[in-house]
Amino acid sequence: GAFAGLNISDDFDIQMELKYIQKGSY
């Protein structure tokens, strides 16, 4: 998928993502 983020400071970032993901059990 894709992501977009913001540098809040030199130490912290906040990131939003939109992605396709496969889960389940086998």
PDB file of all heavy atoms in Angstrom:
ATOM      1  N   GLY A   1       0.813  -1.208   0.000  1.00  0.00           N
ATOM      2  CA  GLY A   1       0.000   0.000   0.000  1.00  0.00           C
ATOM      3  C   GLY A   1       0.843   1.253   0.000  1.00  0.00           C
ATOM      4  O   GLY A   1       1.969   1.269  -0.530  1.00  0.00           O
ATOM      5  N   ALA A   2       0.312   2.305   0.606  1.00  0.00           N
ATOM      6  CA  ALA A   2       0.981   3.603   0.621  1.00  0.00           C
ATOM      7  C   ALA A   2       0.888   4.212   2.006  1.00  0.00           C
ATOM      8  O   ALA A   2       0.037   3.823   2.819  1.00  0.00           O
ATOM      9  CB  ALA A   2       0.350   4.545  -0.404  1.00  0.00           C
ATOM     10  N   PHE A   3       1.774   5.167   2.277  1.00  0.00           N
ATOM     11  CA  PHE A   3       1.756   5.859   3.566  1.00  0.00           C
ATOM     12  C   PHE A   3       2.043   7.333   3.364  1.00  0.00           C
ATOM     13  O   PHE A   3       2.623   7.752   2.361  1.00  0.00           O
ATOM     14  CB  PHE A   3       2.778   5.249   4.538  1.00  0.00           C
ATOM     15  CG  PHE A   3       4.217   5.417   4.131  1.00  0.00           C
ATOM     16  CD1 PHE A   3       4.950   6.527   4.523  1.00  0.00           C
ATOM     17  CD2 PHE A   3       4.850   4.455   3.359  1.00  0.00           C
ATOM     18  CE1 PHE A   3       6.273   6.688   4.151  1.00  0.00           C
ATOM     19  CE2 PHE A   3       6.168   4.593   2.988  1.00  0.00           C
ATOM     20  CZ  PHE A   3       6.884   5.713   3.382  1.00  0.00           C
ATOM     21  N   ALA A   4       1.619   8.124   4.347  1.00  0.00           N
ATOM     22  CA  ALA A   4       1.937   9.546   4.398  1.00  0.00           C
ATOM     23  C   ALA A   4       2.169   9.906   5.855  1.00  0.00           C
ATOM     24  O   ALA A   4       1.501   9.390   6.748  1.00  0.00           O
ATOM     25  CB  ALA A   4       0.801  10.378   3.826  1.00  0.00           C
ATOM     26  N   GLY A   5       3.154  10.765   6.093  1.00  0.00           N
ATOM     27  CA  GLY A   5       3.494  11.081   7.464  1.00  0.00           C
ATOM     28  C   GLY A   5       3.895  12.518   7.666  1.00  0.00           C
ATOM     29  O   GLY A   5       4.098  13.281   6.711  1.00  0.00           O
ATOM     30  N   LEU A   6       3.999  12.888   8.948  1.00  0.00           N
ATOM     31  CA  LEU A   6       4.407  14.222   9.350  1.00  0.00           C
ATOM     32  C   LEU A   6       5.528  14.115  10.373  1.00  0.00           C
ATOM     33  O   LEU A   6       5.449  13.307  11.305  1.00  0.00           O
ATOM     34  CB  LEU A   6       3.243  14.994   9.966  1.00  0.00           C
ATOM     35  CG  LEU A   6       2.064  15.326   9.064  1.00  0.00           C
ATOM     36  CD1 LEU A   6       0.918  15.882   9.890  1.00  0.00           C
ATOM     37  CD2 LEU A   6       2.480  16.296   7.988  1.00  0.00           C
ATOM     38  N   ASN A   7       6.558  14.933  10.214  1.00  0.00           N
ATOM     39  CA  ASN A   7       7.618  15.046  11.216  1.00  0.00           C
ATOM     40  C   ASN A   7       7.153  16.003  12.300  1.00  0.00           C
ATOM     41  O   ASN A   7       7.141  17.217  12.116  1.00  0.00           O
ATOM     42  CB  ASN A   7       8.907  15.559  10.581  1.00  0.00           C
ATOM     43  CG  ASN A   7       9.426  14.632   9.494  1.00  0.00           C
ATOM     44  OD1 ASN A   7       9.543  15.015   8.337  1.00  0.00           O
ATOM     45  ND2 ASN A   7       9.734  13.407   9.859  1.00  0.00           N
ATOM     46  N   ILE A   8       6.740  15.457  13.437  1.00  0.00           N
ATOM     47  CA  ILE A   8       6.288  16.306  14.544  1.00  0.00           C
ATOM     48  C   ILE A   8       7.465  17.029  15.181  1.00  0.00           C
ATOM     49  O   ILE A   8       7.379  18.199  15.553  1.00  0.00           O
ATOM     50  CB  ILE A   8       5.556  15.445  15.590  1.00  0.00           C
ATOM     51  CG1 ILE A   8       4.359  14.751  14.946  1.00  0.00           C
ATOM     52  CG2 ILE A   8       5.097  16.306  16.763  1.00  0.00           C
ATOM     53  CD1 ILE A   8       3.643  13.801  15.869  1.00  0.00           C
ATOM     54  N   SER A   9       8.595  16.313  15.321  1.00  0.00           N
ATOM     55  CA  SER A   9       9.813  16.876  15.881  1.00  0.00           C
ATOM     56  C   SER A   9      10.982  16.027  15.396  1.00  0.00           C
ATOM     57  O   SER A   9      10.808  15.137  14.563  1.00  0.00           O
ATOM     58  CB  SER A   9       9.757  16.878  17.417  1.00  0.00           C
ATOM     59  OG  SER A   9       9.781  15.551  17.916  1.00  0.00           O
ATOM     60  N   ASP A  10      12.181  16.299  15.906  1.00  0.00           N
ATOM     61  CA  ASP A  10      13.337  15.481  15.543  1.00  0.00           C
ATOM     62  C   ASP A  10      13.203  14.054  16.058  1.00  0.00           C
ATOM     63  O   ASP A  10      13.872  13.145  15.563  1.00  0.00           O
ATOM     64  CB  ASP A  10      14.622  16.101  16.104  1.00  0.00           C
ATOM     65  CG  ASP A  10      14.974  17.423  15.431  1.00  0.00           C
ATOM     66  OD1 ASP A  10      14.497  17.638  14.298  1.00  0.00           O
ATOM     67  OD2 ASP A  10      15.702  18.216  16.046  1.00  0.00           O
ATOM     68  N   ASP A  11      12.345  13.866  17.049  1.00  0.00           N
ATOM     69  CA  ASP A  11      12.217  12.549  17.671  1.00  0.00           C
ATOM     70  C   ASP A  11      10.962  11.795  17.246  1.00  0.00           C
ATOM     71  O   ASP A  11      10.980  10.559  17.221  1.00  0.00           O
ATOM     72  CB  ASP A  11      12.204  12.695  19.204  1.00  0.00           C
ATOM     73  CG  ASP A  11      13.438  13.403  19.731  1.00  0.00           C
ATOM     74  OD1 ASP A  11      14.523  13.190  19.162  1.00  0.00           O
ATOM     75  OD2 ASP A  11      13.313  14.165  20.712  1.00  0.00           O
ATOM     76  N   PHE A  12       9.881  12.519  16.936  1.00  0.00           N
ATOM     77  CA  PHE A  12       8.593  11.858  16.719  1.00  0.00           C
ATOM     78  C   PHE A  12       8.067  12.109  15.309  1.00  0.00           C
ATOM     79  O   PHE A  12       8.175  13.222  14.770  1.00  0.00           O
ATOM     80  CB  PHE A  12       7.560  12.365  17.731  1.00  0.00           C
ATOM     81  CG  PHE A  12       7.795  11.880  19.130  1.00  0.00           C
ATOM     82  CD1 PHE A  12       8.489  12.665  20.047  1.00  0.00           C
ATOM     83  CD2 PHE A  12       7.331  10.637  19.540  1.00  0.00           C
ATOM     84  CE1 PHE A  12       8.706  12.226  21.341  1.00  0.00           C
ATOM     85  CE2 PHE A  12       7.548  10.190  20.838  1.00  0.00           C
ATOM     86  CZ  PHE A  12       8.236  10.977  21.739  1.00  0.00           C
ATOM     87  N   ASP A  13       7.479  11.053  14.737  1.00  0.00           N
ATOM     88  CA  ASP A  13       6.731  11.137  13.489  1.00  0.00           C
ATOM     89  C   ASP A  13       5.357  10.541  13.727  1.00  0.00           C
ATOM     90  O   ASP A  13       5.184   9.654  14.575  1.00  0.00           O
ATOM     91  CB  ASP A  13       7.401  10.347  12.360  1.00  0.00           C
ATOM     92  CG  ASP A  13       8.768  10.885  11.994  1.00  0.00           C
ATOM     93  OD1 ASP A  13       9.046  12.064  12.295  1.00  0.00           O
ATOM     94  OD2 ASP A  13       9.549  10.122  11.409  1.00  0.00           O
ATOM     95  N   ILE A  14       4.375  11.006  12.947  1.00  0.00           N
ATOM     96  CA  ILE A  14       3.072  10.360  12.917  1.00  0.00           C
ATOM     97  C   ILE A  14       2.794   9.962  11.474  1.00  0.00           C
ATOM     98  O   ILE A  14       3.063  10.738  10.550  1.00  0.00           O
ATOM     99  CB  ILE A  14       1.954  11.273  13.476  1.00  0.00           C
ATOM    100  CG1 ILE A  14       0.638  10.497  13.535  1.00  0.00           C
ATOM    101  CG2 ILE A  14       1.818  12.557  12.679  1.00  0.00           C
ATOM    102  CD1 ILE A  14      -0.454  11.210  14.308  1.00  0.00           C
ATOM    103  N   GLN A  15       2.320   8.737  11.298  1.00  0.00           N
ATOM    104  CA  GLN A  15       2.183   8.191   9.952  1.00  0.00           C
ATOM    105  C   GLN A  15       0.812   7.554   9.781  1.00  0.00           C
ATOM    106  O   GLN A  15       0.353   6.799  10.636  1.00  0.00           O
ATOM    107  CB  GLN A  15       3.280   7.151   9.714  1.00  0.00           C
ATOM    108  CG  GLN A  15       3.289   6.540   8.324  1.00  0.00           C
ATOM    109  CD  GLN A  15       4.553   5.755   8.080  1.00  0.00           C
ATOM    110  OE1 GLN A  15       5.654   6.302   8.049  1.00  0.00           O
ATOM    111  NE2 GLN A  15       4.409   4.456   7.891  1.00  0.00           N
ATOM    112  N   MET A  16       0.161   7.859   8.668  1.00  0.00           N
ATOM    113  CA  MET A  16      -1.090   7.227   8.270  1.00  0.00           C
ATOM    114  C   MET A  16      -0.827   6.331   7.067  1.00  0.00           C
ATOM    115  O   MET A  16      -0.017   6.670   6.205  1.00  0.00           O
ATOM    116  CB  MET A  16      -2.141   8.291   7.930  1.00  0.00           C
ATOM    117  CG  MET A  16      -2.533   9.165   9.098  1.00  0.00           C
ATOM    118  SD  MET A  16      -3.754  10.432   8.638  1.00  0.00           S
ATOM    119  CE  MET A  16      -2.742  11.501   7.605  1.00  0.00           C
ATOM    120  N   GLU A  17      -1.538   5.212   7.016  1.00  0.00           N
ATOM    121  CA  GLU A  17      -1.299   4.243   5.959  1.00  0.00           C
ATOM    122  C   GLU A  17      -2.610   3.759   5.365  1.00  0.00           C
ATOM    123  O   GLU A  17      -3.649   3.738   6.031  1.00  0.00           O
ATOM    124  CB  GLU A  17      -0.509   3.041   6.491  1.00  0.00           C
ATOM    125  CG  GLU A  17       0.845   3.414   7.086  1.00  0.00           C
ATOM    126  CD  GLU A  17       1.505   2.275   7.830  1.00  0.00           C
ATOM    127  OE1 GLU A  17       0.999   1.135   7.743  1.00  0.00           O
ATOM    128  OE2 GLU A  17       2.521   2.518   8.512  1.00  0.00           O
ATOM    129  N   LEU A  18      -2.550   3.356   4.122  1.00  0.00           N
ATOM    130  CA  LEU A  18      -3.664   2.712   3.437  1.00  0.00           C
ATOM    131  C   LEU A  18      -3.082   1.509   2.722  1.00  0.00           C
ATOM    132  O   LEU A  18      -2.287   1.673   1.790  1.00  0.00           O
ATOM    133  CB  LEU A  18      -4.326   3.671   2.445  1.00  0.00           C
ATOM    134  CG  LEU A  18      -5.421   3.078   1.554  1.00  0.00           C
ATOM    135  CD1 LEU A  18      -6.577   2.567   2.395  1.00  0.00           C
ATOM    136  CD2 LEU A  18      -5.900   4.110   0.543  1.00  0.00           C
ATOM    137  N   LYS A  19      -3.469   0.292   3.146  1.00  0.00           N
ATOM    138  CA  LYS A  19      -2.812  -0.887   2.581  1.00  0.00           C
ATOM    139  C   LYS A  19      -3.767  -2.071   2.519  1.00  0.00           C
ATOM    140  O   LYS A  19      -4.765  -2.150   3.240  1.00  0.00           O
ATOM    141  CB  LYS A  19      -1.573  -1.248   3.392  1.00  0.00           C
ATOM    142  CG  LYS A  19      -1.853  -1.624   4.836  1.00  0.00           C
ATOM    143  CD  LYS A  19      -0.578  -1.804   5.637  1.00  0.00           C
ATOM    144  CE  LYS A  19      -0.880  -2.245   7.057  1.00  0.00           C
ATOM    145  NZ  LYS A  19       0.330  -2.373   7.894  1.00  0.00           N
ATOM    146  N   TYR A  20      -3.410  -3.003   1.645  1.00  0.00           N
ATOM    147  CA  TYR A  20      -4.071  -4.291   1.541  1.00  0.00           C
ATOM    148  C   TYR A  20      -3.255  -5.296   2.335  1.00  0.00           C
ATOM    149  O   TYR A  20      -2.030  -5.343   2.217  1.00  0.00           O
ATOM    150  CB  TYR A  20      -4.150  -4.705   0.072  1.00  0.00           C
ATOM    151  CG  TYR A  20      -4.507  -6.144  -0.165  1.00  0.00           C
ATOM    152  CD1 TYR A  20      -5.818  -6.595  -0.048  1.00  0.00           C
ATOM    153  CD2 TYR A  20      -3.524  -7.070  -0.514  1.00  0.00           C
ATOM    154  CE1 TYR A  20      -6.144  -7.918  -0.277  1.00  0.00           C
ATOM    155  CE2 TYR A  20      -3.840  -8.397  -0.743  1.00  0.00           C
ATOM    156  CZ  TYR A  20      -5.143  -8.815  -0.628  1.00  0.00           C
ATOM    157  OH  TYR A  20      -5.461 -10.131  -0.852  1.00  0.00           O
ATOM    158  N   ILE A  21      -3.932  -6.107   3.165  1.00  0.00           N
ATOM    159  CA  ILE A  21      -3.213  -7.060   4.000  1.00  0.00           C
ATOM    160  C   ILE A  21      -4.001  -8.365   4.084  1.00  0.00           C
ATOM    161  O   ILE A  21      -5.233  -8.363   4.166  1.00  0.00           O
ATOM    162  CB  ILE A  21      -2.962  -6.478   5.410  1.00  0.00           C
ATOM    163  CG1 ILE A  21      -2.050  -7.394   6.233  1.00  0.00           C
ATOM    164  CG2 ILE A  21      -4.255  -6.187   6.129  1.00  0.00           C
ATOM    165  CD1 ILE A  21      -1.544  -6.753   7.523  1.00  0.00           C
ATOM    166  N   GLN A  22      -3.271  -9.483   4.035  1.00  0.00           N
ATOM    167  CA  GLN A  22      -3.871 -10.807   4.125  1.00  0.00           C
ATOM    168  C   GLN A  22      -3.645 -11.382   5.518  1.00  0.00           C
ATOM    169  O   GLN A  22      -2.531 -11.379   6.028  1.00  0.00           O
ATOM    170  CB  GLN A  22      -3.272 -11.738   3.073  1.00  0.00           C
ATOM    171  CG  GLN A  22      -3.598 -11.333   1.648  1.00  0.00           C
ATOM    172  CD  GLN A  22      -2.979 -12.275   0.631  1.00  0.00           C
ATOM    173  OE1 GLN A  22      -1.983 -12.938   0.892  1.00  0.00           O
ATOM    174  NE2 GLN A  22      -3.580 -12.332  -0.553  1.00  0.00           N
ATOM    175  N   LYS A  23      -4.717 -11.888   6.117  1.00  0.00           N
ATOM    176  CA  LYS A  23      -4.653 -12.490   7.442  1.00  0.00           C
ATOM    177  C   LYS A  23      -5.383 -13.825   7.417  1.00  0.00           C
ATOM    178  O   LYS A  23      -5.970 -14.220   6.418  1.00  0.00           O
ATOM    179  CB  LYS A  23      -5.273 -11.554   8.483  1.00  0.00           C
ATOM    180  CG  LYS A  23      -4.644 -10.166   8.546  1.00  0.00           C
ATOM    181  CD  LYS A  23      -5.257  -9.314   9.637  1.00  0.00           C
ATOM    182  CE  LYS A  23      -4.618  -7.936   9.693  1.00  0.00           C
ATOM    183  NZ  LYS A  23      -5.143  -7.107  10.815  1.00  0.00           N
ATOM    184  N   GLY A  24      -5.358 -14.536   8.546  1.00  0.00           N
ATOM    185  CA  GLY A  24      -6.098 -15.783   8.622  1.00  0.00           C
ATOM    186  C   GLY A  24      -5.387 -16.848   9.414  1.00  0.00           C
ATOM    187  O   GLY A  24      -4.566 -16.561  10.297  1.00  0.00           O
ATOM    188  N   SER A  25      -5.689 -18.104   9.083  1.00  0.00           N
ATOM    189  CA  SER A  25      -5.183 -19.246   9.832  1.00  0.00           C
ATOM    190  C   SER A  25      -5.013 -20.426   8.880  1.00  0.00           C
ATOM    191  O   SER A  25      -5.741 -20.541   7.881  1.00  0.00           O
ATOM    192  CB  SER A  25      -6.163 -19.607  10.956  1.00  0.00           C
ATOM    193  OG  SER A  25      -5.757 -20.773  11.642  1.00  0.00           O
ATOM    194  N   TYR A  26      -4.049 -21.307   9.213  1.00  0.00           N
ATOM    195  CA  TYR A  26      -3.829 -22.485   8.363  1.00  0.00           C
ATOM    196  C   TYR A  26      -3.327 -23.646   9.211  1.00  0.00           C
ATOM    197  O   TYR A  26      -2.535 -23.454  10.150  1.00  0.00           O
ATOM    198  CB  TYR A  26      -2.796 -22.190   7.264  1.00  0.00           C
ATOM    199  CG  TYR A  26      -2.441 -23.414   6.449  1.00  0.00           C
ATOM    200  CD1 TYR A  26      -3.316 -23.886   5.483  1.00  0.00           C
ATOM    201  CD2 TYR A  26      -1.259 -24.112   6.683  1.00  0.00           C
ATOM    202  CE1 TYR A  26      -3.024 -25.017   4.746  1.00  0.00           C
ATOM    203  CE2 TYR A  26      -0.951 -25.253   5.951  1.00  0.00           C
ATOM    204  CZ  TYR A  26      -1.834 -25.705   4.983  1.00  0.00           C
ATOM    205  OH  TYR A  26      -1.545 -26.831   4.271  1.00  0.00           O
TER     206      TYR A  26
END
